[in-house]
Amino acid sequence: TATALAAEGAAVFLTYKRLAPLNEPAYPDTYDRVRAGTADDVV
């Protein structure tokens, strides 16, 4: 959404909270990685 709104010309302020890993086999490994990350790459 931030990417799409920015593409339409809006200045976007992103908030996020880094979350501890679930370490649960029912979720793909990448899920823990993206939940634990900052928004720096998106910005």
PDB file of all heavy atoms in Angstrom:
ATOM      1  N   THR A   1       0.827  -1.202   0.000  1.00  0.00           N
ATOM      2  CA  THR A   1       0.000   0.000   0.000  1.00  0.00           C
ATOM      3  C   THR A   1       0.865   1.258   0.000  1.00  0.00           C
ATOM      4  O   THR A   1       0.591   2.216  -0.735  1.00  0.00           O
ATOM      5  CB  THR A   1      -0.935   0.005   1.221  1.00  0.00           C
ATOM      6  OG1 THR A   1      -1.816  -1.116   1.135  1.00  0.00           O
ATOM      7  CG2 THR A   1      -1.746   1.281   1.295  1.00  0.00           C
ATOM      8  N   ALA A   2       1.902   1.271   0.829  1.00  0.00           N
ATOM      9  CA  ALA A   2       2.813   2.418   0.847  1.00  0.00           C
ATOM     10  C   ALA A   2       3.425   2.636  -0.529  1.00  0.00           C
ATOM     11  O   ALA A   2       3.511   3.776  -1.019  1.00  0.00           O
ATOM     12  CB  ALA A   2       3.904   2.201   1.889  1.00  0.00           C
ATOM     13  N   THR A   3       3.830   1.553  -1.173  1.00  0.00           N
ATOM     14  CA  THR A   3       4.434   1.642  -2.502  1.00  0.00           C
ATOM     15  C   THR A   3       3.435   2.169  -3.522  1.00  0.00           C
ATOM     16  O   THR A   3       3.766   3.027  -4.353  1.00  0.00           O
ATOM     17  CB  THR A   3       4.962   0.266  -2.928  1.00  0.00           C
ATOM     18  OG1 THR A   3       5.915  -0.197  -1.966  1.00  0.00           O
ATOM     19  CG2 THR A   3       5.611   0.327  -4.298  1.00  0.00           C
ATOM     20  N   ALA A   4       2.202   1.669  -3.460  1.00  0.00           N
ATOM     21  CA  ALA A   4       1.173   2.085  -4.421  1.00  0.00           C
ATOM     22  C   ALA A   4       0.784   3.548  -4.230  1.00  0.00           C
ATOM     23  O   ALA A   4       0.628   4.297  -5.205  1.00  0.00           O
ATOM     24  CB  ALA A   4      -0.052   1.186  -4.277  1.00  0.00           C
ATOM     25  N   LEU A   5       0.619   3.980  -2.986  1.00  0.00           N
ATOM     26  CA  LEU A   5       0.250   5.373  -2.734  1.00  0.00           C
ATOM     27  C   LEU A   5       1.385   6.318  -3.130  1.00  0.00           C
ATOM     28  O   LEU A   5       1.148   7.404  -3.674  1.00  0.00           O
ATOM     29  CB  LEU A   5      -0.110   5.566  -1.267  1.00  0.00           C
ATOM     30  CG  LEU A   5      -1.391   4.869  -0.781  1.00  0.00           C
ATOM     31  CD1 LEU A   5      -1.576   5.077   0.714  1.00  0.00           C
ATOM     32  CD2 LEU A   5      -2.623   5.370  -1.536  1.00  0.00           C
ATOM     33  N   ALA A   6       2.618   5.907  -2.859  1.00  0.00           N
ATOM     34  CA  ALA A   6       3.766   6.723  -3.262  1.00  0.00           C
ATOM     35  C   ALA A   6       3.843   6.847  -4.782  1.00  0.00           C
ATOM     36  O   ALA A   6       4.197   7.910  -5.313  1.00  0.00           O
ATOM     37  CB  ALA A   6       5.054   6.123  -2.713  1.00  0.00           C
ATOM     38  N   ALA A   7       3.510   5.772  -5.485  1.00  0.00           N
ATOM     39  CA  ALA A   7       3.527   5.816  -6.949  1.00  0.00           C
ATOM     40  C   ALA A   7       2.490   6.788  -7.498  1.00  0.00           C
ATOM     41  O   ALA A   7       2.633   7.292  -8.620  1.00  0.00           O
ATOM     42  CB  ALA A   7       3.280   4.418  -7.511  1.00  0.00           C
ATOM     43  N   GLU A   8       1.442   7.061  -6.703  1.00  0.00           N
ATOM     44  CA  GLU A   8       0.419   8.024  -7.100  1.00  0.00           C
ATOM     45  C   GLU A   8       0.749   9.445  -6.646  1.00  0.00           C
ATOM     46  O   GLU A   8      -0.053  10.357  -6.812  1.00  0.00           O
ATOM     47  CB  GLU A   8      -0.938   7.608  -6.541  1.00  0.00           C
ATOM     48  CG  GLU A   8      -1.533   6.383  -7.214  1.00  0.00           C
ATOM     49  CD  GLU A   8      -1.804   6.614  -8.688  1.00  0.00           C
ATOM     50  OE1 GLU A   8      -2.386   7.672  -9.028  1.00  0.00           O
ATOM     51  OE2 GLU A   8      -1.412   5.762  -9.503  1.00  0.00           O
ATOM     52  N   GLY A   9       1.925   9.615  -6.057  1.00  0.00           N
ATOM     53  CA  GLY A   9       2.375  10.951  -5.702  1.00  0.00           C
ATOM     54  C   GLY A   9       2.283  11.319  -4.243  1.00  0.00           C
ATOM     55  O   GLY A   9       2.726  12.405  -3.838  1.00  0.00           O
ATOM     56  N   ALA A  10       1.725  10.438  -3.404  1.00  0.00           N
ATOM     57  CA  ALA A  10       1.602  10.748  -1.977  1.00  0.00           C
ATOM     58  C   ALA A  10       2.949  10.587  -1.274  1.00  0.00           C
ATOM     59  O   ALA A  10       3.754   9.721  -1.638  1.00  0.00           O
ATOM     60  CB  ALA A  10       0.566   9.845  -1.324  1.00  0.00           C
ATOM     61  N   ALA A  11       3.178  11.426  -0.281  1.00  0.00           N
ATOM     62  CA  ALA A  11       4.301  11.212   0.629  1.00  0.00           C
ATOM     63  C   ALA A  11       3.813  10.226   1.684  1.00  0.00           C
ATOM     64  O   ALA A  11       2.761  10.429   2.293  1.00  0.00           O
ATOM     65  CB  ALA A  11       4.727  12.517   1.278  1.00  0.00           C
ATOM     66  N   VAL A  12       4.547   9.142   1.896  1.00  0.00           N
ATOM     67  CA  VAL A  12       4.057   8.078   2.759  1.00  0.00           C
ATOM     68  C   VAL A  12       4.925   7.936   3.999  1.00  0.00           C
ATOM     69  O   VAL A  12       6.152   7.906   3.932  1.00  0.00           O
ATOM     70  CB  VAL A  12       3.965   6.729   2.008  1.00  0.00           C
ATOM     71  CG1 VAL A  12       2.907   6.805   0.917  1.00  0.00           C
ATOM     72  CG2 VAL A  12       5.299   6.334   1.393  1.00  0.00           C
ATOM     73  N   PHE A  13       4.258   7.871   5.143  1.00  0.00           N
ATOM     74  CA  PHE A  13       4.929   7.653   6.429  1.00  0.00           C
ATOM     75  C   PHE A  13       4.544   6.264   6.897  1.00  0.00           C
ATOM     76  O   PHE A  13       3.369   5.989   7.168  1.00  0.00           O
ATOM     77  CB  PHE A  13       4.512   8.712   7.444  1.00  0.00           C
ATOM     78  CG  PHE A  13       5.374   8.711   8.670  1.00  0.00           C
ATOM     79  CD1 PHE A  13       6.547   9.445   8.716  1.00  0.00           C
ATOM     80  CD2 PHE A  13       5.015   7.963   9.788  1.00  0.00           C
ATOM     81  CE1 PHE A  13       7.359   9.428   9.847  1.00  0.00           C
ATOM     82  CE2 PHE A  13       5.821   7.939  10.921  1.00  0.00           C
ATOM     83  CZ  PHE A  13       6.998   8.681  10.955  1.00  0.00           C
ATOM     84  N   LEU A  14       5.534   5.384   6.992  1.00  0.00           N
ATOM     85  CA  LEU A  14       5.307   3.979   7.321  1.00  0.00           C
ATOM     86  C   LEU A  14       5.600   3.729   8.797  1.00  0.00           C
ATOM     87  O   LEU A  14       6.587   4.225   9.332  1.00  0.00           O
ATOM     88  CB  LEU A  14       6.216   3.072   6.502  1.00  0.00           C
ATOM     89  CG  LEU A  14       6.050   2.988   4.989  1.00  0.00           C
ATOM     90  CD1 LEU A  14       6.451   4.280   4.285  1.00  0.00           C
ATOM     91  CD2 LEU A  14       6.891   1.846   4.434  1.00  0.00           C
ATOM     92  N   THR A  15       4.752   2.964   9.453  1.00  0.00           N
ATOM     93  CA  THR A  15       5.041   2.517  10.807  1.00  0.00           C
ATOM     94  C   THR A  15       5.112   0.997  10.813  1.00  0.00           C
ATOM     95  O   THR A  15       4.519   0.320   9.961  1.00  0.00           O
ATOM     96  CB  THR A  15       3.992   2.994  11.823  1.00  0.00           C
ATOM     97  OG1 THR A  15       2.857   2.113  11.801  1.00  0.00           O
ATOM     98  CG2 THR A  15       3.544   4.412  11.529  1.00  0.00           C
ATOM     99  N   TYR A  16       5.839   0.468  11.773  1.00  0.00           N
ATOM    100  CA  TYR A  16       5.994  -0.985  11.867  1.00  0.00           C
ATOM    101  C   TYR A  16       6.452  -1.339  13.269  1.00  0.00           C
ATOM    102  O   TYR A  16       6.868  -0.469  14.042  1.00  0.00           O
ATOM    103  CB  TYR A  16       7.039  -1.478  10.853  1.00  0.00           C
ATOM    104  CG  TYR A  16       8.432  -0.957  11.135  1.00  0.00           C
ATOM    105  CD1 TYR A  16       9.339  -1.689  11.895  1.00  0.00           C
ATOM    106  CD2 TYR A  16       8.827   0.300  10.684  1.00  0.00           C
ATOM    107  CE1 TYR A  16      10.602  -1.190  12.188  1.00  0.00           C
ATOM    108  CE2 TYR A  16      10.079   0.811  10.963  1.00  0.00           C
ATOM    109  CZ  TYR A  16      10.968   0.061  11.719  1.00  0.00           C
ATOM    110  OH  TYR A  16      12.210   0.563  12.019  1.00  0.00           O
ATOM    111  N   LYS A  17       6.359  -2.617  13.584  1.00  0.00           N
ATOM    112  CA  LYS A  17       6.905  -3.134  14.848  1.00  0.00           C
ATOM    113  C   LYS A  17       7.557  -4.473  14.560  1.00  0.00           C
ATOM    114  O   LYS A  17       6.920  -5.380  14.007  1.00  0.00           O
ATOM    115  CB  LYS A  17       5.808  -3.304  15.903  1.00  0.00           C
ATOM    116  CG  LYS A  17       6.351  -3.716  17.278  1.00  0.00           C
ATOM    117  CD  LYS A  17       5.223  -3.793  18.305  1.00  0.00           C
ATOM    118  CE  LYS A  17       5.763  -4.011  19.718  1.00  0.00           C
ATOM    119  NZ  LYS A  17       6.492  -5.281  19.860  1.00  0.00           N
ATOM    120  N   ARG A  18       8.818  -4.576  14.891  1.00  0.00           N
ATOM    121  CA  ARG A  18       9.522  -5.843  14.693  1.00  0.00           C
ATOM    122  C   ARG A  18       9.032  -6.876  15.701  1.00  0.00           C
ATOM    123  O   ARG A  18       8.958  -6.594  16.902  1.00  0.00           O
ATOM    124  CB  ARG A  18      11.030  -5.626  14.833  1.00  0.00           C
ATOM    125  CG  ARG A  18      11.649  -4.857  13.671  1.00  0.00           C
ATOM    126  CD  ARG A  18      13.082  -4.497  13.935  1.00  0.00           C
ATOM    127  NE  ARG A  18      13.188  -3.467  14.975  1.00  0.00           N
ATOM    128  CZ  ARG A  18      14.346  -2.978  15.422  1.00  0.00           C
ATOM    129  NH1 ARG A  18      15.484  -3.432  14.945  1.00  0.00           N
ATOM    130  NH2 ARG A  18      14.344  -2.040  16.354  1.00  0.00           N
ATOM    131  N   LEU A  19       8.697  -8.054  15.203  1.00  0.00           N
ATOM    132  CA  LEU A  19       8.116  -9.093  16.050  1.00  0.00           C
ATOM    133  C   LEU A  19       9.078 -10.255  16.227  1.00  0.00           C
ATOM    134  O   LEU A  19       9.834 -10.602  15.316  1.00  0.00           O
ATOM    135  CB  LEU A  19       6.807  -9.590  15.436  1.00  0.00           C
ATOM    136  CG  LEU A  19       5.717  -8.532  15.259  1.00  0.00           C
ATOM    137  CD1 LEU A  19       4.527  -9.122  14.526  1.00  0.00           C
ATOM    138  CD2 LEU A  19       5.295  -7.961  16.615  1.00  0.00           C
ATOM    139  N   ALA A  20       9.027 -10.851  17.392  1.00  0.00           N
ATOM    140  CA  ALA A  20       9.873 -12.007  17.678  1.00  0.00           C
ATOM    141  C   ALA A  20       9.476 -13.174  16.784  1.00  0.00           C
ATOM    142  O   ALA A  20       8.303 -13.315  16.416  1.00  0.00           O
ATOM    143  CB  ALA A  20       9.735 -12.401  19.149  1.00  0.00           C
ATOM    144  N   PRO A  21      10.421 -14.027  16.419  1.00  0.00           N
ATOM    145  CA  PRO A  21      10.100 -15.166  15.546  1.00  0.00           C
ATOM    146  C   PRO A  21       9.133 -16.137  16.210  1.00  0.00           C
ATOM    147  O   PRO A  21       9.173 -16.344  17.428  1.00  0.00           O
ATOM    148  CB  PRO A  21      11.458 -15.817  15.293  1.00  0.00           C
ATOM    149  CG  PRO A  21      12.328 -15.357  16.424  1.00  0.00           C
ATOM    150  CD  PRO A  21      11.848 -13.984  16.775  1.00  0.00           C
ATOM    151  N   LEU A  22       8.276 -16.731  15.392  1.00  0.00           N
ATOM    152  CA  LEU A  22       7.336 -17.727  15.895  1.00  0.00           C
ATOM    153  C   LEU A  22       8.006 -19.080  16.092  1.00  0.00           C
ATOM    154  O   LEU A  22       7.596 -19.870  16.937  1.00  0.00           O
ATOM    155  CB  LEU A  22       6.167 -17.862  14.914  1.00  0.00           C
ATOM    156  CG  LEU A  22       5.296 -16.615  14.730  1.00  0.00           C
ATOM    157  CD1 LEU A  22       4.376 -16.793  13.540  1.00  0.00           C
ATOM    158  CD2 LEU A  22       4.494 -16.364  16.000  1.00  0.00           C
ATOM    159  N   ASN A  23       9.026 -19.353  15.241  1.00  0.00           N
ATOM    160  CA  ASN A  23       9.730 -20.640  15.298  1.00  0.00           C
ATOM    161  C   ASN A  23       8.743 -21.799  15.267  1.00  0.00           C
ATOM    162  O   ASN A  23       8.807 -22.728  16.074  1.00  0.00           O
ATOM    163  CB  ASN A  23      10.607 -20.729  16.556  1.00  0.00           C
ATOM    164  CG  ASN A  23      11.746 -19.729  16.532  1.00  0.00           C
ATOM    165  OD1 ASN A  23      12.350 -19.497  15.488  1.00  0.00           O
ATOM    166  ND2 ASN A  23      12.040 -19.138  17.674  1.00  0.00           N
ATOM    167  N   GLU A  24       7.820 -21.729  14.325  1.00  0.00           N
ATOM    168  CA  GLU A  24       6.748 -22.715  14.231  1.00  0.00           C
ATOM    169  C   GLU A  24       6.751 -23.337  12.834  1.00  0.00           C
ATOM    170  O   GLU A  24       6.634 -22.621  11.828  1.00  0.00           O
ATOM    171  CB  GLU A  24       5.408 -22.020  14.504  1.00  0.00           C
ATOM    172  CG  GLU A  24       4.182 -22.836  14.198  1.00  0.00           C
ATOM    173  CD  GLU A  24       4.176 -24.185  14.890  1.00  0.00           C
ATOM    174  OE1 GLU A  24       4.374 -24.227  16.117  1.00  0.00           O
ATOM    175  OE2 GLU A  24       3.976 -25.198  14.176  1.00  0.00           O
ATOM    176  N   PRO A  25       6.898 -24.668  12.731  1.00  0.00           N
ATOM    177  CA  PRO A  25       6.967 -25.328  11.423  1.00  0.00           C
ATOM    178  C   PRO A  25       5.742 -25.111  10.539  1.00  0.00           C
ATOM    179  O   PRO A  25       5.821 -25.274   9.314  1.00  0.00           O
ATOM    180  CB  PRO A  25       7.101 -26.815  11.792  1.00  0.00           C
ATOM    181  CG  PRO A  25       7.664 -26.813  13.175  1.00  0.00           C
ATOM    182  CD  PRO A  25       7.094 -25.610  13.838  1.00  0.00           C
ATOM    183  N   ALA A  26       4.598 -24.736  11.129  1.00  0.00           N
ATOM    184  CA  ALA A  26       3.392 -24.526  10.333  1.00  0.00           C
ATOM    185  C   ALA A  26       3.469 -23.270   9.471  1.00  0.00           C
ATOM    186  O   ALA A  26       2.638 -23.078   8.583  1.00  0.00           O
ATOM    187  CB  ALA A  26       2.167 -24.444  11.242  1.00  0.00           C
ATOM    188  N   TYR A  27       4.471 -22.420   9.719  1.00  0.00           N
ATOM    189  CA  TYR A  27       4.644 -21.204   8.931  1.00  0.00           C
ATOM    190  C   TYR A  27       5.933 -21.294   8.130  1.00  0.00           C
ATOM    191  O   TYR A  27       6.946 -21.805   8.633  1.00  0.00           O
ATOM    192  CB  TYR A  27       4.696 -19.971   9.837  1.00  0.00           C
ATOM    193  CG  TYR A  27       3.442 -19.762  10.650  1.00  0.00           C
ATOM    194  CD1 TYR A  27       3.385 -20.164  11.989  1.00  0.00           C
ATOM    195  CD2 TYR A  27       2.327 -19.166  10.093  1.00  0.00           C
ATOM    196  CE1 TYR A  27       2.239 -19.978  12.745  1.00  0.00           C
ATOM    197  CE2 TYR A  27       1.168 -18.974  10.842  1.00  0.00           C
ATOM    198  CZ  TYR A  27       1.137 -19.383  12.163  1.00  0.00           C
ATOM    199  OH  TYR A  27      -0.001 -19.198  12.900  1.00  0.00           O
ATOM    200  N   PRO A  28       5.941 -20.766   6.912  1.00  0.00           N
ATOM    201  CA  PRO A  28       7.191 -20.737   6.143  1.00  0.00           C
ATOM    202  C   PRO A  28       8.278 -19.957   6.878  1.00  0.00           C
ATOM    203  O   PRO A  28       7.989 -19.011   7.621  1.00  0.00           O
ATOM    204  CB  PRO A  28       6.785 -20.021   4.843  1.00  0.00           C
ATOM    205  CG  PRO A  28       5.304 -20.228   4.730  1.00  0.00           C
ATOM    206  CD  PRO A  28       4.799 -20.236   6.146  1.00  0.00           C
ATOM    207  N   ASP A  29       9.527 -20.335   6.647  1.00  0.00           N
ATOM    208  CA  ASP A  29      10.641 -19.661   7.318  1.00  0.00           C
ATOM    209  C   ASP A  29      10.670 -18.166   7.014  1.00  0.00           C
ATOM    210  O   ASP A  29      11.066 -17.355   7.861  1.00  0.00           O
ATOM    211  CB  ASP A  29      11.973 -20.293   6.891  1.00  0.00           C
ATOM    212  CG  ASP A  29      12.117 -21.722   7.394  1.00  0.00           C
ATOM    213  OD1 ASP A  29      11.425 -22.075   8.366  1.00  0.00           O
ATOM    214  OD2 ASP A  29      12.928 -22.470   6.816  1.00  0.00           O
ATOM    215  N   THR A  30      10.259 -17.798   5.809  1.00  0.00           N
ATOM    216  CA  THR A  30      10.320 -16.387   5.416  1.00  0.00           C
ATOM    217  C   THR A  30       9.372 -15.516   6.241  1.00  0.00           C
ATOM    218  O   THR A  30       9.588 -14.309   6.361  1.00  0.00           O
ATOM    219  CB  THR A  30       9.971 -16.218   3.922  1.00  0.00           C
ATOM    220  OG1 THR A  30       8.696 -16.837   3.672  1.00  0.00           O
ATOM    221  CG2 THR A  30      11.019 -16.859   3.047  1.00  0.00           C
ATOM    222  N   TYR A  31       8.337 -16.128   6.818  1.00  0.00           N
ATOM    223  CA  TYR A  31       7.365 -15.345   7.582  1.00  0.00           C
ATOM    224  C   TYR A  31       8.028 -14.712   8.804  1.00  0.00           C
ATOM    225  O   TYR A  31       7.810 -13.535   9.101  1.00  0.00           O
ATOM    226  CB  TYR A  31       6.207 -16.235   8.002  1.00  0.00           C
ATOM    227  CG  TYR A  31       5.003 -15.483   8.534  1.00  0.00           C
ATOM    228  CD1 TYR A  31       4.517 -14.357   7.890  1.00  0.00           C
ATOM    229  CD2 TYR A  31       4.342 -15.924   9.689  1.00  0.00           C
ATOM    230  CE1 TYR A  31       3.405 -13.674   8.378  1.00  0.00           C
ATOM    231  CE2 TYR A  31       3.230 -15.253  10.173  1.00  0.00           C
ATOM    232  CZ  TYR A  31       2.771 -14.130   9.519  1.00  0.00           C
ATOM    233  OH  TYR A  31       1.672 -13.458   9.995  1.00  0.00           O
ATOM    234  N   ASP A  32       8.845 -15.469   9.511  1.00  0.00           N
ATOM    235  CA  ASP A  32       9.564 -14.915  10.649  1.00  0.00           C
ATOM    236  C   ASP A  32      10.496 -13.794  10.207  1.00  0.00           C
ATOM    237  O   ASP A  32      10.627 -12.770  10.896  1.00  0.00           O
ATOM    238  CB  ASP A  32      10.378 -16.001  11.354  1.00  0.00           C
ATOM    239  CG  ASP A  32       9.543 -16.820  12.335  1.00  0.00           C
ATOM    240  OD1 ASP A  32       8.431 -16.370  12.676  1.00  0.00           O
ATOM    241  OD2 ASP A  32       9.998 -17.898  12.741  1.00  0.00           O
ATOM    242  N   ARG A  33      11.117 -13.975   9.056  1.00  0.00           N
ATOM    243  CA  ARG A  33      12.073 -12.969   8.589  1.00  0.00           C
ATOM    244  C   ARG A  33      11.392 -11.637   8.281  1.00  0.00           C
ATOM    245  O   ARG A  33      11.853 -10.582   8.710  1.00  0.00           O
ATOM    246  CB  ARG A  33      12.811 -13.475   7.343  1.00  0.00           C
ATOM    247  CG  ARG A  33      13.800 -12.472   6.769  1.00  0.00           C
ATOM    248  CD  ARG A  33      14.556 -13.061   5.589  1.00  0.00           C
ATOM    249  NE  ARG A  33      13.668 -13.545   4.558  1.00  0.00           N
ATOM    250  CZ  ARG A  33      13.072 -12.754   3.666  1.00  0.00           C
ATOM    251  NH1 ARG A  33      13.267 -11.438   3.698  1.00  0.00           N
ATOM    252  NH2 ARG A  33      12.291 -13.266   2.729  1.00  0.00           N
ATOM    253  N   VAL A  34      10.273 -11.680   7.554  1.00  0.00           N
ATOM    254  CA  VAL A  34       9.627 -10.419   7.177  1.00  0.00           C
ATOM    255  C   VAL A  34       8.975  -9.742   8.377  1.00  0.00           C
ATOM    256  O   VAL A  34       8.952  -8.507   8.467  1.00  0.00           O
ATOM    257  CB  VAL A  34       8.588 -10.621   6.051  1.00  0.00           C
ATOM    258  CG1 VAL A  34       9.268 -11.110   4.778  1.00  0.00           C
ATOM    259  CG2 VAL A  34       7.465 -11.578   6.462  1.00  0.00           C
ATOM    260  N   ARG A  35       8.466 -10.521   9.318  1.00  0.00           N
ATOM    261  CA  ARG A  35       7.844  -9.942  10.515  1.00  0.00           C
ATOM    262  C   ARG A  35       8.879  -9.273  11.427  1.00  0.00           C
ATOM    263  O   ARG A  35       8.558  -8.337  12.155  1.00  0.00           O
ATOM    264  CB  ARG A  35       7.101 -11.030  11.301  1.00  0.00           C
ATOM    265  CG  ARG A  35       5.774 -11.420  10.712  1.00  0.00           C
ATOM    266  CD  ARG A  35       5.298 -12.769  11.232  1.00  0.00           C
ATOM    267  NE  ARG A  35       5.476 -12.959  12.653  1.00  0.00           N
ATOM    268  CZ  ARG A  35       4.533 -12.713  13.573  1.00  0.00           C
ATOM    269  NH1 ARG A  35       3.353 -12.247  13.203  1.00  0.00           N
ATOM    270  NH2 ARG A  35       4.760 -12.947  14.859  1.00  0.00           N
ATOM    271  N   ALA A  36      10.109  -9.766  11.380  1.00  0.00           N
ATOM    272  CA  ALA A  36      11.151  -9.255  12.263  1.00  0.00           C
ATOM    273  C   ALA A  36      11.925  -8.088  11.654  1.00  0.00           C
ATOM    274  O   ALA A  36      12.767  -7.482  12.323  1.00  0.00           O
ATOM    275  CB  ALA A  36      12.124 -10.379  12.614  1.00  0.00           C
ATOM    276  N   GLY A  37      11.629  -7.753  10.407  1.00  0.00           N
ATOM    277  CA  GLY A  37      12.395  -6.737   9.716  1.00  0.00           C
ATOM    278  C   GLY A  37      11.883  -5.327   9.932  1.00  0.00           C
ATOM    279  O   GLY A  37      10.766  -5.104  10.413  1.00  0.00           O
ATOM    280  N   THR A  38      12.704  -4.352   9.560  1.00  0.00           N
ATOM    281  CA  THR A  38      12.300  -2.949   9.582  1.00  0.00           C
ATOM    282  C   THR A  38      11.608  -2.616   8.260  1.00  0.00           C
ATOM    283  O   THR A  38      11.431  -3.475   7.398  1.00  0.00           O
ATOM    284  CB  THR A  38      13.519  -2.032   9.755  1.00  0.00           C
ATOM    285  OG1 THR A  38      14.298  -2.069   8.545  1.00  0.00           O
ATOM    286  CG2 THR A  38      14.369  -2.471  10.937  1.00  0.00           C
ATOM    287  N   ALA A  39      11.245  -1.348   8.095  1.00  0.00           N
ATOM    288  CA  ALA A  39      10.657  -0.884   6.837  1.00  0.00           C
ATOM    289  C   ALA A  39      11.697  -0.207   5.953  1.00  0.00           C
ATOM    290  O   ALA A  39      11.349   0.415   4.948  1.00  0.00           O
ATOM    291  CB  ALA A  39       9.508   0.068   7.125  1.00  0.00           C
ATOM    292  N   ASP A  40      12.971  -0.347   6.302  1.00  0.00           N
ATOM    293  CA  ASP A  40      14.020   0.360   5.558  1.00  0.00           C
ATOM    294  C   ASP A  40      14.040  -0.011   4.087  1.00  0.00           C
ATOM    295  O   ASP A  40      14.211   0.856   3.216  1.00  0.00           O
ATOM    296  CB  ASP A  40      15.393   0.075   6.184  1.00  0.00           C
ATOM    297  CG  ASP A  40      15.545   0.689   7.569  1.00  0.00           C
ATOM    298  OD1 ASP A  40      14.667   1.496   7.962  1.00  0.00           O
ATOM    299  OD2 ASP A  40      16.532   0.355   8.264  1.00  0.00           O
ATOM    300  N   ASP A  41      13.900  -1.311   3.790  1.00  0.00           N
ATOM    301  CA  ASP A  41      13.930  -1.741   2.390  1.00  0.00           C
ATOM    302  C   ASP A  41      12.752  -1.159   1.607  1.00  0.00           C
ATOM    303  O   ASP A  41      12.897  -0.787   0.436  1.00  0.00           O
ATOM    304  CB  ASP A  41      13.901  -3.265   2.296  1.00  0.00           C
ATOM    305  CG  ASP A  41      15.210  -3.901   2.736  1.00  0.00           C
ATOM    306  OD1 ASP A  41      16.202  -3.155   2.873  1.00  0.00           O
ATOM    307  OD2 ASP A  41      15.228  -5.125   2.965  1.00  0.00           O
ATOM    308  N   VAL A  42      11.590  -1.086   2.245  1.00  0.00           N
ATOM    309  CA  VAL A  42      10.409  -0.527   1.579  1.00  0.00           C
ATOM    310  C   VAL A  42      10.637   0.947   1.282  1.00  0.00           C
ATOM    311  O   VAL A  42      10.364   1.424   0.169  1.00  0.00           O
ATOM    312  CB  VAL A  42       9.144  -0.700   2.450  1.00  0.00           C
ATOM    313  CG1 VAL A  42       7.921  -0.200   1.709  1.00  0.00           C
ATOM    314  CG2 VAL A  42       8.969  -2.159   2.862  1.00  0.00           C
ATOM    315  N   VAL A  43      11.135   1.674   2.256  1.00  0.00           N
ATOM    316  CA  VAL A  43      11.424   3.098   2.066  1.00  0.00           C
ATOM    317  C   VAL A  43      12.439   3.294   0.950  1.00  0.00           C
ATOM    318  O   VAL A  43      12.278   4.178   0.080  1.00  0.00           O
ATOM    319  CB  VAL A  43      11.936   3.725   3.382  1.00  0.00           C
ATOM    320  CG1 VAL A  43      12.488   5.128   3.138  1.00  0.00           C
ATOM    321  CG2 VAL A  43      10.817   3.765   4.410  1.00  0.00           C
TER     322      VAL A  43
END
